[in-house]
Amino acid sequence: MSMLEFVRSQLFSIGGPILVALLLSSIVGLSTFIVKAVQFARLGVGRHRPAREAMAAWRNGDAGTALALVQRDSAALSQVTAAGLRQMSSPGGLISLATTLLAEMSRHLRIIEAVVQAAPMLGLLGTVLGMMEAFNRLSQSGGAADPAVLASGIWTALSTTALGLSVAIPFYFLSTWLESRVENERMAMEAVLASFSDER
């Protein structure tokens, strides 16, 4: 049974709204991840080789070759390196450029973090509601409830917990991966900025 079929079958149960919320949160999280993956590709996140080669050439005194290496590359690190090699930016200007690029990379990452934190809580809420439904039916039957009726409430409780964790766990790893890539860019830019600061 697919997630959509499962949500549809449980839509009118007490846990239905919780399942819909979990489905919507997974859609939001996945959409955000796709947008960030496209943005990272556009900014060349992780593409450090041109900048490293340019810095090596610059340290060897070949500023022309160094600038040519990064001018034809659109990666964020290459943009910072090119700005420093042109000597058109003050140290404050280079820091501002790096900060702007890093802020763009970090934008909307909190949406995925919110999905990671909210999904288990929604699952837990569904569990509580499902167990409440099961015990309510038990109390109404005077202690002789149909096991099938009780199983329905327990099924809702367990299914929302499982679905909440199924949403949270993959997005936790995706969020960690995206944040680690931003952190790697930050360290690479700090190294470039430190090199230019030492020369000045």
N, C-alpha and C. Protein backbone atom coordinates (compact mmCIF):
# COMPACT_ATOMS: atom_id res chain seq x y z
N MET A 1 0.85 -1.19 0.00
CA MET A 1 0.00 0.00 0.00
C MET A 1 0.89 1.24 0.00
N SER A 2 0.64 2.17 -0.92
CA SER A 2 1.43 3.40 -0.99
C SER A 2 1.00 4.34 0.13
N MET A 3 1.81 5.39 0.34
CA MET A 3 1.49 6.35 1.40
C MET A 3 0.15 7.03 1.13
N LEU A 4 -0.10 7.39 -0.15
CA LEU A 4 -1.35 8.06 -0.49
C LEU A 4 -2.55 7.16 -0.24
N GLU A 5 -2.43 5.89 -0.62
CA GLU A 5 -3.52 4.95 -0.38
C GLU A 5 -3.77 4.75 1.10
N PHE A 6 -2.67 4.68 1.87
CA PHE A 6 -2.80 4.51 3.31
C PHE A 6 -3.50 5.71 3.95
N VAL A 7 -3.08 6.93 3.54
CA VAL A 7 -3.71 8.14 4.09
C VAL A 7 -5.18 8.19 3.72
N ARG A 8 -5.48 7.84 2.48
CA ARG A 8 -6.88 7.87 2.03
C ARG A 8 -7.74 6.87 2.82
N SER A 9 -7.19 5.68 3.09
CA SER A 9 -7.95 4.67 3.83
C SER A 9 -8.19 5.07 5.28
N GLN A 10 -7.26 5.90 5.83
CA GLN A 10 -7.37 6.30 7.23
C GLN A 10 -7.88 7.72 7.40
N LEU A 11 -8.29 8.36 6.30
CA LEU A 11 -8.60 9.79 6.32
C LEU A 11 -9.70 10.13 7.31
N PHE A 12 -10.71 9.26 7.42
CA PHE A 12 -11.86 9.58 8.27
C PHE A 12 -11.76 8.93 9.65
N SER A 13 -10.59 8.40 9.97
CA SER A 13 -10.36 7.92 11.33
C SER A 13 -9.91 9.09 12.18
N ILE A 14 -9.76 8.85 13.47
CA ILE A 14 -9.36 9.94 14.36
C ILE A 14 -7.95 10.45 14.06
N GLY A 15 -7.14 9.56 13.47
CA GLY A 15 -5.78 9.97 13.12
C GLY A 15 -5.64 10.51 11.71
N GLY A 16 -6.76 10.63 11.00
CA GLY A 16 -6.72 11.10 9.61
C GLY A 16 -6.04 12.45 9.43
N PRO A 17 -6.45 13.48 10.20
CA PRO A 17 -5.80 14.78 10.06
C PRO A 17 -4.29 14.74 10.32
N ILE A 18 -3.88 13.87 11.26
CA ILE A 18 -2.45 13.74 11.55
C ILE A 18 -1.72 13.16 10.35
N LEU A 19 -2.31 12.15 9.73
CA LEU A 19 -1.69 11.54 8.56
C LEU A 19 -1.60 12.53 7.41
N VAL A 20 -2.63 13.34 7.23
CA VAL A 20 -2.60 14.37 6.18
C VAL A 20 -1.50 15.38 6.47
N ALA A 21 -1.37 15.79 7.74
CA ALA A 21 -0.32 16.74 8.12
C ALA A 21 1.07 16.17 7.86
N LEU A 22 1.24 14.88 8.15
CA LEU A 22 2.53 14.23 7.89
C LEU A 22 2.82 14.16 6.40
N LEU A 23 1.80 13.86 5.61
CA LEU A 23 1.99 13.80 4.16
C LEU A 23 2.36 15.17 3.61
N LEU A 24 1.66 16.21 4.07
CA LEU A 24 1.96 17.56 3.60
C LEU A 24 3.36 18.00 4.03
N SER A 25 3.74 17.65 5.26
CA SER A 25 5.08 18.04 5.72
C SER A 25 6.16 17.34 4.91
N SER A 26 5.92 16.08 4.51
CA SER A 26 6.91 15.38 3.69
C SER A 26 7.00 16.00 2.31
N ILE A 27 5.88 16.48 1.78
CA ILE A 27 5.89 17.15 0.47
C ILE A 27 6.67 18.46 0.56
N VAL A 28 6.42 19.22 1.63
CA VAL A 28 7.15 20.48 1.82
C VAL A 28 8.64 20.23 1.98
N GLY A 29 8.98 19.23 2.79
CA GLY A 29 10.39 18.92 2.99
C GLY A 29 11.08 18.48 1.72
N LEU A 30 10.42 17.62 0.94
CA LEU A 30 11.01 17.14 -0.31
C LEU A 30 11.15 18.27 -1.32
N SER A 31 10.14 19.13 -1.40
CA SER A 31 10.22 20.27 -2.33
C SER A 31 11.37 21.19 -1.96
N THR A 32 11.53 21.43 -0.66
CA THR A 32 12.63 22.28 -0.20
C THR A 32 13.98 21.66 -0.53
N PHE A 33 14.09 20.35 -0.33
CA PHE A 33 15.35 19.68 -0.64
C PHE A 33 15.68 19.78 -2.13
N ILE A 34 14.70 19.60 -2.98
CA ILE A 34 14.94 19.69 -4.43
C ILE A 34 15.39 21.10 -4.80
N VAL A 35 14.72 22.11 -4.24
CA VAL A 35 15.11 23.50 -4.52
C VAL A 35 16.54 23.76 -4.07
N LYS A 36 16.90 23.25 -2.89
CA LYS A 36 18.26 23.46 -2.38
C LYS A 36 19.28 22.70 -3.22
N ALA A 37 18.94 21.51 -3.67
CA ALA A 37 19.87 20.74 -4.50
C ALA A 37 20.14 21.47 -5.81
N VAL A 38 19.10 22.03 -6.41
CA VAL A 38 19.27 22.80 -7.66
C VAL A 38 20.11 24.05 -7.39
N GLN A 39 19.82 24.72 -6.27
CA GLN A 39 20.58 25.93 -5.93
C GLN A 39 22.06 25.60 -5.69
N PHE A 40 22.33 24.51 -4.98
CA PHE A 40 23.71 24.11 -4.71
C PHE A 40 24.44 23.80 -6.01
N ALA A 41 23.74 23.16 -6.95
CA ALA A 41 24.37 22.88 -8.24
C ALA A 41 24.68 24.18 -8.98
N ARG A 42 23.76 25.14 -8.91
CA ARG A 42 23.98 26.43 -9.59
C ARG A 42 25.14 27.19 -8.97
N LEU A 43 25.27 27.11 -7.64
CA LEU A 43 26.36 27.81 -6.95
C LEU A 43 27.66 27.01 -6.92
N GLY A 44 27.63 25.82 -7.49
CA GLY A 44 28.84 25.01 -7.52
C GLY A 44 29.33 24.61 -6.14
N VAL A 45 28.41 24.33 -5.24
CA VAL A 45 28.79 23.94 -3.89
C VAL A 45 29.56 22.61 -3.94
N GLY A 46 30.74 22.61 -3.35
CA GLY A 46 31.59 21.43 -3.38
C GLY A 46 32.60 21.42 -4.52
N ARG A 47 32.47 22.36 -5.47
CA ARG A 47 33.42 22.42 -6.59
C ARG A 47 34.54 23.39 -6.21
N HIS A 48 35.60 22.83 -5.64
CA HIS A 48 36.69 23.64 -5.10
C HIS A 48 37.96 23.58 -5.95
N ARG A 49 38.03 22.67 -6.87
CA ARG A 49 39.28 22.47 -7.60
C ARG A 49 39.75 23.73 -8.34
N PRO A 50 38.89 24.44 -9.09
CA PRO A 50 39.38 25.66 -9.77
C PRO A 50 39.97 26.67 -8.80
N ALA A 51 39.29 26.86 -7.66
CA ALA A 51 39.79 27.83 -6.68
C ALA A 51 41.12 27.37 -6.08
N ARG A 52 41.24 26.08 -5.80
CA ARG A 52 42.50 25.57 -5.24
C ARG A 52 43.63 25.75 -6.23
N GLU A 53 43.38 25.43 -7.49
CA GLU A 53 44.41 25.60 -8.52
C GLU A 53 44.77 27.07 -8.70
N ALA A 54 43.76 27.93 -8.62
CA ALA A 54 44.02 29.37 -8.76
C ALA A 54 44.86 29.88 -7.60
N MET A 55 44.56 29.45 -6.39
CA MET A 55 45.35 29.89 -5.24
C MET A 55 46.78 29.39 -5.32
N ALA A 56 46.96 28.16 -5.83
CA ALA A 56 48.31 27.62 -6.00
C ALA A 56 49.09 28.45 -7.01
N ALA A 57 48.44 28.81 -8.13
CA ALA A 57 49.09 29.64 -9.16
C ALA A 57 49.41 31.01 -8.60
N TRP A 58 48.50 31.56 -7.83
CA TRP A 58 48.71 32.90 -7.25
C TRP A 58 49.89 32.90 -6.28
N ARG A 59 49.99 31.85 -5.48
CA ARG A 59 51.11 31.78 -4.54
C ARG A 59 52.45 31.62 -5.27
N ASN A 60 52.38 31.04 -6.48
CA ASN A 60 53.60 30.91 -7.30
C ASN A 60 53.90 32.15 -8.12
N GLY A 61 53.10 33.19 -7.92
CA GLY A 61 53.35 34.46 -8.59
C GLY A 61 52.68 34.62 -9.94
N ASP A 62 51.85 33.68 -10.34
CA ASP A 62 51.18 33.75 -11.64
C ASP A 62 49.73 34.19 -11.44
N ALA A 63 49.55 35.48 -11.17
CA ALA A 63 48.22 36.00 -10.88
C ALA A 63 47.30 35.93 -12.10
N GLY A 64 47.87 36.10 -13.29
CA GLY A 64 47.06 36.06 -14.51
C GLY A 64 46.40 34.71 -14.72
N THR A 65 47.19 33.65 -14.59
CA THR A 65 46.64 32.29 -14.72
C THR A 65 45.63 32.00 -13.61
N ALA A 66 45.96 32.47 -12.42
CA ALA A 66 45.06 32.24 -11.28
C ALA A 66 43.70 32.87 -11.54
N LEU A 67 43.70 34.10 -12.02
CA LEU A 67 42.44 34.79 -12.27
C LEU A 67 41.66 34.12 -13.40
N ALA A 68 42.37 33.67 -14.42
CA ALA A 68 41.70 33.00 -15.55
C ALA A 68 41.02 31.71 -15.10
N LEU A 69 41.62 31.02 -14.16
CA LEU A 69 41.05 29.75 -13.69
C LEU A 69 39.70 29.93 -13.00
N VAL A 70 39.57 31.01 -12.24
CA VAL A 70 38.33 31.21 -11.48
C VAL A 70 37.31 32.08 -12.20
N GLN A 71 37.77 32.89 -13.16
CA GLN A 71 36.83 33.74 -13.89
C GLN A 71 35.87 32.92 -14.74
N ARG A 72 36.33 31.78 -15.24
CA ARG A 72 35.46 30.97 -16.08
C ARG A 72 34.67 29.92 -15.29
N ASP A 73 34.70 30.02 -13.97
CA ASP A 73 33.97 29.08 -13.14
C ASP A 73 32.95 29.85 -12.29
N SER A 74 31.73 29.31 -12.19
CA SER A 74 30.65 30.01 -11.49
C SER A 74 30.49 29.58 -10.03
N ALA A 75 31.35 28.70 -9.55
CA ALA A 75 31.22 28.21 -8.17
C ALA A 75 31.38 29.36 -7.19
N ALA A 76 30.69 29.25 -6.06
CA ALA A 76 30.73 30.29 -5.04
C ALA A 76 32.15 30.56 -4.57
N LEU A 77 32.92 29.50 -4.32
CA LEU A 77 34.30 29.68 -3.87
C LEU A 77 35.14 30.37 -4.93
N SER A 78 34.88 30.07 -6.19
CA SER A 78 35.61 30.73 -7.28
C SER A 78 35.27 32.21 -7.34
N GLN A 79 34.00 32.55 -7.05
CA GLN A 79 33.61 33.97 -7.06
C GLN A 79 34.37 34.75 -5.99
N VAL A 80 34.48 34.17 -4.81
CA VAL A 80 35.22 34.83 -3.73
C VAL A 80 36.69 34.93 -4.09
N THR A 81 37.25 33.87 -4.64
CA THR A 81 38.67 33.86 -5.02
C THR A 81 38.94 34.89 -6.11
N ALA A 82 38.06 34.95 -7.11
CA ALA A 82 38.23 35.92 -8.20
C ALA A 82 38.18 37.34 -7.68
N ALA A 83 37.26 37.63 -6.77
CA ALA A 83 37.15 38.97 -6.20
C ALA A 83 38.43 39.35 -5.46
N GLY A 84 39.01 38.40 -4.74
CA GLY A 84 40.26 38.67 -4.04
C GLY A 84 41.42 38.86 -4.99
N LEU A 85 41.47 38.08 -6.06
CA LEU A 85 42.58 38.19 -7.01
C LEU A 85 42.53 39.49 -7.81
N ARG A 86 41.32 39.98 -8.05
CA ARG A 86 41.20 41.25 -8.78
C ARG A 86 41.65 42.43 -7.94
N GLN A 87 41.74 42.19 -6.62
CA GLN A 87 42.13 43.24 -5.68
C GLN A 87 41.20 44.44 -5.78
N MET A 88 39.95 44.13 -6.17
CA MET A 88 38.96 45.20 -6.28
C MET A 88 38.15 45.32 -4.98
N SER A 89 38.25 44.30 -4.16
CA SER A 89 37.48 44.30 -2.92
C SER A 89 38.40 44.45 -1.72
N SER A 90 37.96 45.24 -0.77
CA SER A 90 38.68 45.33 0.49
C SER A 90 38.42 44.04 1.27
N PRO A 91 39.19 43.81 2.35
CA PRO A 91 38.89 42.63 3.17
C PRO A 91 37.43 42.59 3.61
N GLY A 92 36.89 43.76 3.94
CA GLY A 92 35.47 43.82 4.33
C GLY A 92 34.56 43.45 3.18
N GLY A 93 34.94 43.84 1.96
CA GLY A 93 34.13 43.50 0.79
C GLY A 93 34.15 42.02 0.50
N LEU A 94 35.30 41.37 0.67
CA LEU A 94 35.38 39.92 0.47
C LEU A 94 34.57 39.18 1.51
N ILE A 95 34.64 39.63 2.74
CA ILE A 95 33.85 38.99 3.80
C ILE A 95 32.37 39.14 3.52
N SER A 96 31.98 40.33 3.04
CA SER A 96 30.58 40.57 2.72
C SER A 96 30.10 39.65 1.60
N LEU A 97 30.94 39.48 0.57
CA LEU A 97 30.58 38.59 -0.54
C LEU A 97 30.44 37.15 -0.05
N ALA A 98 31.40 36.69 0.74
CA ALA A 98 31.34 35.32 1.26
C ALA A 98 30.12 35.13 2.15
N THR A 99 29.84 36.12 3.00
CA THR A 99 28.69 36.03 3.89
C THR A 99 27.39 35.97 3.11
N THR A 100 27.29 36.77 2.05
CA THR A 100 26.09 36.77 1.22
C THR A 100 25.87 35.41 0.55
N LEU A 101 26.93 34.83 0.02
CA LEU A 101 26.83 33.53 -0.64
C LEU A 101 26.46 32.43 0.36
N LEU A 102 27.08 32.47 1.53
CA LEU A 102 26.77 31.46 2.55
C LEU A 102 25.34 31.60 3.06
N ALA A 103 24.88 32.85 3.18
CA ALA A 103 23.50 33.07 3.62
C ALA A 103 22.51 32.52 2.60
N GLU A 104 22.85 32.69 1.31
CA GLU A 104 21.98 32.15 0.27
C GLU A 104 21.93 30.62 0.33
N MET A 105 23.08 30.00 0.61
CA MET A 105 23.11 28.54 0.73
C MET A 105 22.31 28.05 1.93
N SER A 106 22.34 28.81 3.01
CA SER A 106 21.68 28.38 4.25
C SER A 106 20.19 28.68 4.27
N ARG A 107 19.74 29.55 3.35
CA ARG A 107 18.34 29.96 3.35
C ARG A 107 17.41 28.76 3.16
N HIS A 108 16.36 28.68 3.96
CA HIS A 108 15.30 27.66 3.90
C HIS A 108 15.73 26.28 4.43
N LEU A 109 16.96 26.15 4.90
CA LEU A 109 17.35 24.86 5.49
C LEU A 109 16.55 24.56 6.75
N ARG A 110 16.10 25.61 7.42
CA ARG A 110 15.32 25.41 8.64
C ARG A 110 13.97 24.77 8.37
N ILE A 111 13.50 24.89 7.12
CA ILE A 111 12.24 24.23 6.79
C ILE A 111 12.39 22.72 6.93
N ILE A 112 13.50 22.20 6.42
CA ILE A 112 13.73 20.76 6.52
C ILE A 112 13.95 20.37 7.98
N GLU A 113 14.66 21.21 8.74
CA GLU A 113 14.85 20.94 10.16
C GLU A 113 13.50 20.91 10.89
N ALA A 114 12.59 21.80 10.48
CA ALA A 114 11.27 21.84 11.10
C ALA A 114 10.50 20.55 10.82
N VAL A 115 10.63 20.03 9.61
CA VAL A 115 9.97 18.77 9.27
C VAL A 115 10.53 17.64 10.14
N VAL A 116 11.85 17.63 10.30
CA VAL A 116 12.50 16.60 11.13
C VAL A 116 11.97 16.64 12.56
N GLN A 117 11.78 17.83 13.10
CA GLN A 117 11.34 17.96 14.49
C GLN A 117 9.84 17.75 14.64
N ALA A 118 9.07 18.19 13.63
CA ALA A 118 7.61 18.13 13.76
C ALA A 118 7.05 16.74 13.48
N ALA A 119 7.65 16.00 12.54
CA ALA A 119 7.07 14.71 12.14
C ALA A 119 6.94 13.72 13.30
N PRO A 120 7.98 13.52 14.13
CA PRO A 120 7.80 12.58 15.26
C PRO A 120 6.75 13.07 16.26
N MET A 121 6.66 14.40 16.44
CA MET A 121 5.67 14.94 17.37
C MET A 121 4.26 14.71 16.85
N LEU A 122 4.08 14.89 15.53
CA LEU A 122 2.77 14.60 14.93
C LEU A 122 2.44 13.11 15.06
N GLY A 123 3.44 12.27 14.84
CA GLY A 123 3.24 10.83 15.00
C GLY A 123 2.84 10.48 16.42
N LEU A 124 3.49 11.13 17.40
CA LEU A 124 3.16 10.88 18.80
C LEU A 124 1.74 11.34 19.11
N LEU A 125 1.35 12.48 18.54
CA LEU A 125 -0.02 12.95 18.74
C LEU A 125 -1.01 11.95 18.17
N GLY A 126 -0.71 11.41 17.00
CA GLY A 126 -1.58 10.39 16.41
C GLY A 126 -1.66 9.16 17.29
N THR A 127 -0.55 8.80 17.91
CA THR A 127 -0.53 7.65 18.81
C THR A 127 -1.46 7.89 20.00
N VAL A 128 -1.36 9.06 20.59
CA VAL A 128 -2.21 9.40 21.74
C VAL A 128 -3.68 9.37 21.34
N LEU A 129 -4.00 9.98 20.19
CA LEU A 129 -5.40 10.00 19.74
C LEU A 129 -5.91 8.59 19.45
N GLY A 130 -5.07 7.77 18.85
CA GLY A 130 -5.48 6.40 18.54
C GLY A 130 -5.75 5.59 19.80
N MET A 131 -4.88 5.74 20.80
CA MET A 131 -5.07 5.02 22.06
C MET A 131 -6.30 5.55 22.81
N MET A 132 -6.52 6.86 22.72
CA MET A 132 -7.73 7.42 23.34
C MET A 132 -8.98 6.83 22.70
N GLU A 133 -8.95 6.71 21.37
CA GLU A 133 -10.10 6.13 20.68
C GLU A 133 -10.30 4.68 21.11
N ALA A 134 -9.23 3.93 21.20
CA ALA A 134 -9.34 2.51 21.58
C ALA A 134 -9.91 2.37 22.98
N PHE A 135 -9.43 3.15 23.94
CA PHE A 135 -9.91 3.04 25.31
C PHE A 135 -11.32 3.60 25.46
N ASN A 136 -11.65 4.60 24.63
CA ASN A 136 -13.01 5.13 24.66
C ASN A 136 -14.01 4.06 24.21
N ARG A 137 -13.65 3.33 23.16
CA ARG A 137 -14.53 2.26 22.69
C ARG A 137 -14.63 1.14 23.73
N LEU A 138 -13.52 0.88 24.41
CA LEU A 138 -13.54 -0.14 25.46
C LEU A 138 -14.46 0.27 26.61
N SER A 139 -14.41 1.54 27.00
CA SER A 139 -15.25 2.01 28.11
C SER A 139 -16.73 2.01 27.73
N GLN A 140 -17.02 2.34 26.47
CA GLN A 140 -18.41 2.38 26.02
C GLN A 140 -19.02 0.98 25.93
N SER A 141 -18.17 -0.02 25.75
CA SER A 141 -18.68 -1.39 25.62
C SER A 141 -18.79 -2.10 26.95
N GLY A 142 -18.45 -1.41 28.01
CA GLY A 142 -18.54 -2.02 29.34
C GLY A 142 -17.50 -3.09 29.57
N GLY A 143 -16.35 -2.98 28.90
CA GLY A 143 -15.26 -3.92 29.11
C GLY A 143 -15.32 -5.13 28.22
N ALA A 144 -16.28 -5.19 27.32
CA ALA A 144 -16.39 -6.35 26.44
C ALA A 144 -16.35 -5.92 24.98
N ALA A 145 -15.35 -5.11 24.65
CA ALA A 145 -15.25 -4.57 23.29
C ALA A 145 -14.83 -5.65 22.31
N ASP A 146 -15.26 -5.45 21.10
CA ASP A 146 -14.85 -6.33 20.00
C ASP A 146 -13.35 -6.13 19.77
N PRO A 147 -12.56 -7.19 19.78
CA PRO A 147 -11.11 -7.04 19.55
C PRO A 147 -10.80 -6.34 18.23
N ALA A 148 -11.63 -6.54 17.23
CA ALA A 148 -11.39 -5.90 15.94
C ALA A 148 -11.54 -4.38 16.06
N VAL A 149 -12.48 -3.93 16.87
CA VAL A 149 -12.69 -2.49 17.07
C VAL A 149 -11.50 -1.89 17.80
N LEU A 150 -11.05 -2.61 18.85
CA LEU A 150 -9.87 -2.12 19.57
C LEU A 150 -8.64 -2.11 18.67
N ALA A 151 -8.51 -3.11 17.84
CA ALA A 151 -7.36 -3.20 16.95
C ALA A 151 -7.30 -2.02 16.00
N SER A 152 -8.48 -1.51 15.62
CA SER A 152 -8.53 -0.36 14.71
C SER A 152 -7.88 0.86 15.34
N GLY A 153 -8.20 1.12 16.62
CA GLY A 153 -7.60 2.27 17.31
C GLY A 153 -6.11 2.08 17.52
N ILE A 154 -5.73 0.87 17.89
CA ILE A 154 -4.30 0.60 18.09
C ILE A 154 -3.56 0.69 16.76
N TRP A 155 -4.18 0.26 15.68
CA TRP A 155 -3.57 0.36 14.34
C TRP A 155 -3.32 1.81 13.98
N THR A 156 -4.31 2.66 14.26
CA THR A 156 -4.14 4.10 13.99
C THR A 156 -2.98 4.65 14.80
N ALA A 157 -2.91 4.25 16.09
CA ALA A 157 -1.85 4.74 16.96
C ALA A 157 -0.48 4.34 16.43
N LEU A 158 -0.31 3.08 16.12
CA LEU A 158 0.99 2.60 15.67
C LEU A 158 1.36 3.12 14.28
N SER A 159 0.36 3.24 13.41
CA SER A 159 0.64 3.68 12.05
C SER A 159 1.10 5.13 12.00
N THR A 160 0.50 6.00 12.82
CA THR A 160 0.94 7.39 12.82
C THR A 160 2.35 7.53 13.38
N THR A 161 2.67 6.73 14.39
CA THR A 161 4.04 6.75 14.93
C THR A 161 5.04 6.31 13.87
N ALA A 162 4.72 5.20 13.19
CA ALA A 162 5.61 4.69 12.16
C ALA A 162 5.77 5.69 11.01
N LEU A 163 4.67 6.30 10.60
CA LEU A 163 4.73 7.25 9.50
C LEU A 163 5.52 8.50 9.90
N GLY A 164 5.32 8.95 11.15
CA GLY A 164 6.07 10.11 11.63
C GLY A 164 7.56 9.87 11.60
N LEU A 165 7.98 8.70 12.05
CA LEU A 165 9.41 8.35 12.03
C LEU A 165 9.90 8.15 10.61
N SER A 166 9.06 7.59 9.76
CA SER A 166 9.44 7.37 8.36
C SER A 166 9.67 8.68 7.62
N VAL A 167 8.97 9.72 8.04
CA VAL A 167 9.17 11.05 7.46
C VAL A 167 10.42 11.70 8.06
N ALA A 168 10.55 11.61 9.38
CA ALA A 168 11.62 12.34 10.07
C ALA A 168 13.01 11.79 9.77
N ILE A 169 13.16 10.48 9.74
CA ILE A 169 14.51 9.89 9.62
C ILE A 169 15.18 10.25 8.30
N PRO A 170 14.54 10.07 7.14
CA PRO A 170 15.22 10.45 5.88
C PRO A 170 15.55 11.94 5.82
N PHE A 171 14.62 12.78 6.31
CA PHE A 171 14.88 14.22 6.25
C PHE A 171 15.96 14.64 7.24
N TYR A 172 16.14 13.89 8.30
CA TYR A 172 17.25 14.16 9.22
C TYR A 172 18.59 14.01 8.50
N PHE A 173 18.73 12.92 7.75
CA PHE A 173 19.98 12.70 7.02
C PHE A 173 20.15 13.71 5.88
N LEU A 174 19.06 14.06 5.21
CA LEU A 174 19.15 15.06 4.14
C LEU A 174 19.55 16.42 4.71
N SER A 175 18.95 16.78 5.85
CA SER A 175 19.28 18.05 6.49
C SER A 175 20.75 18.08 6.92
N THR A 176 21.22 16.98 7.51
CA THR A 176 22.61 16.90 7.93
C THR A 176 23.56 17.02 6.74
N TRP A 177 23.21 16.37 5.64
CA TRP A 177 24.05 16.42 4.44
C TRP A 177 24.12 17.83 3.87
N LEU A 178 22.98 18.51 3.78
CA LEU A 178 22.97 19.88 3.26
C LEU A 178 23.78 20.82 4.17
N GLU A 179 23.59 20.69 5.47
CA GLU A 179 24.32 21.55 6.41
C GLU A 179 25.82 21.29 6.36
N SER A 180 26.21 20.03 6.17
CA SER A 180 27.65 19.72 6.09
C SER A 180 28.26 20.33 4.84
N ARG A 181 27.51 20.38 3.76
CA ARG A 181 28.02 20.99 2.53
C ARG A 181 28.20 22.50 2.70
N VAL A 182 27.25 23.14 3.37
CA VAL A 182 27.39 24.57 3.65
C VAL A 182 28.58 24.81 4.56
N GLU A 183 28.77 23.97 5.56
CA GLU A 183 29.90 24.12 6.47
C GLU A 183 31.23 23.93 5.74
N ASN A 184 31.29 22.99 4.81
CA ASN A 184 32.51 22.81 4.01
C ASN A 184 32.81 24.05 3.18
N GLU A 185 31.77 24.66 2.61
CA GLU A 185 31.96 25.90 1.85
C GLU A 185 32.47 27.01 2.76
N ARG A 186 31.92 27.09 3.96
CA ARG A 186 32.34 28.12 4.89
C ARG A 186 33.83 27.98 5.23
N MET A 187 34.26 26.76 5.50
CA MET A 187 35.67 26.54 5.84
C MET A 187 36.58 26.85 4.65
N ALA A 188 36.14 26.49 3.45
CA ALA A 188 36.95 26.76 2.26
C ALA A 188 37.07 28.26 2.02
N MET A 189 35.97 28.98 2.20
CA MET A 189 36.01 30.44 2.02
C MET A 189 36.86 31.10 3.09
N GLU A 190 36.78 30.61 4.32
CA GLU A 190 37.61 31.17 5.38
C GLU A 190 39.09 30.98 5.08
N ALA A 191 39.44 29.84 4.49
CA ALA A 191 40.83 29.59 4.13
C ALA A 191 41.30 30.57 3.06
N VAL A 192 40.45 30.83 2.05
CA VAL A 192 40.79 31.79 1.00
C VAL A 192 40.93 33.19 1.57
N LEU A 193 39.97 33.57 2.40
CA LEU A 193 40.03 34.91 3.01
C LEU A 193 41.27 35.08 3.87
N ALA A 194 41.64 34.03 4.60
CA ALA A 194 42.84 34.08 5.43
C ALA A 194 44.08 34.25 4.58
N SER A 195 44.13 33.60 3.42
CA SER A 195 45.29 33.71 2.52
C SER A 195 45.45 35.14 2.02
N PHE A 196 44.34 35.76 1.62
CA PHE A 196 44.42 37.14 1.13
C PHE A 196 44.75 38.11 2.26
N SER A 197 44.21 37.84 3.46
CA SER A 197 44.50 38.72 4.61
C SER A 197 45.98 38.66 4.97
N ASP A 198 46.59 37.48 4.89
CA ASP A 198 48.00 37.33 5.21
C ASP A 198 48.87 38.14 4.23
N GLU A 199 48.45 38.16 2.96
CA GLU A 199 49.24 38.90 1.96
C GLU A 199 49.14 40.39 2.16
N ARG A 200 47.99 40.84 2.63
CA ARG A 200 47.82 42.27 2.85
C ARG A 200 48.55 42.71 4.12
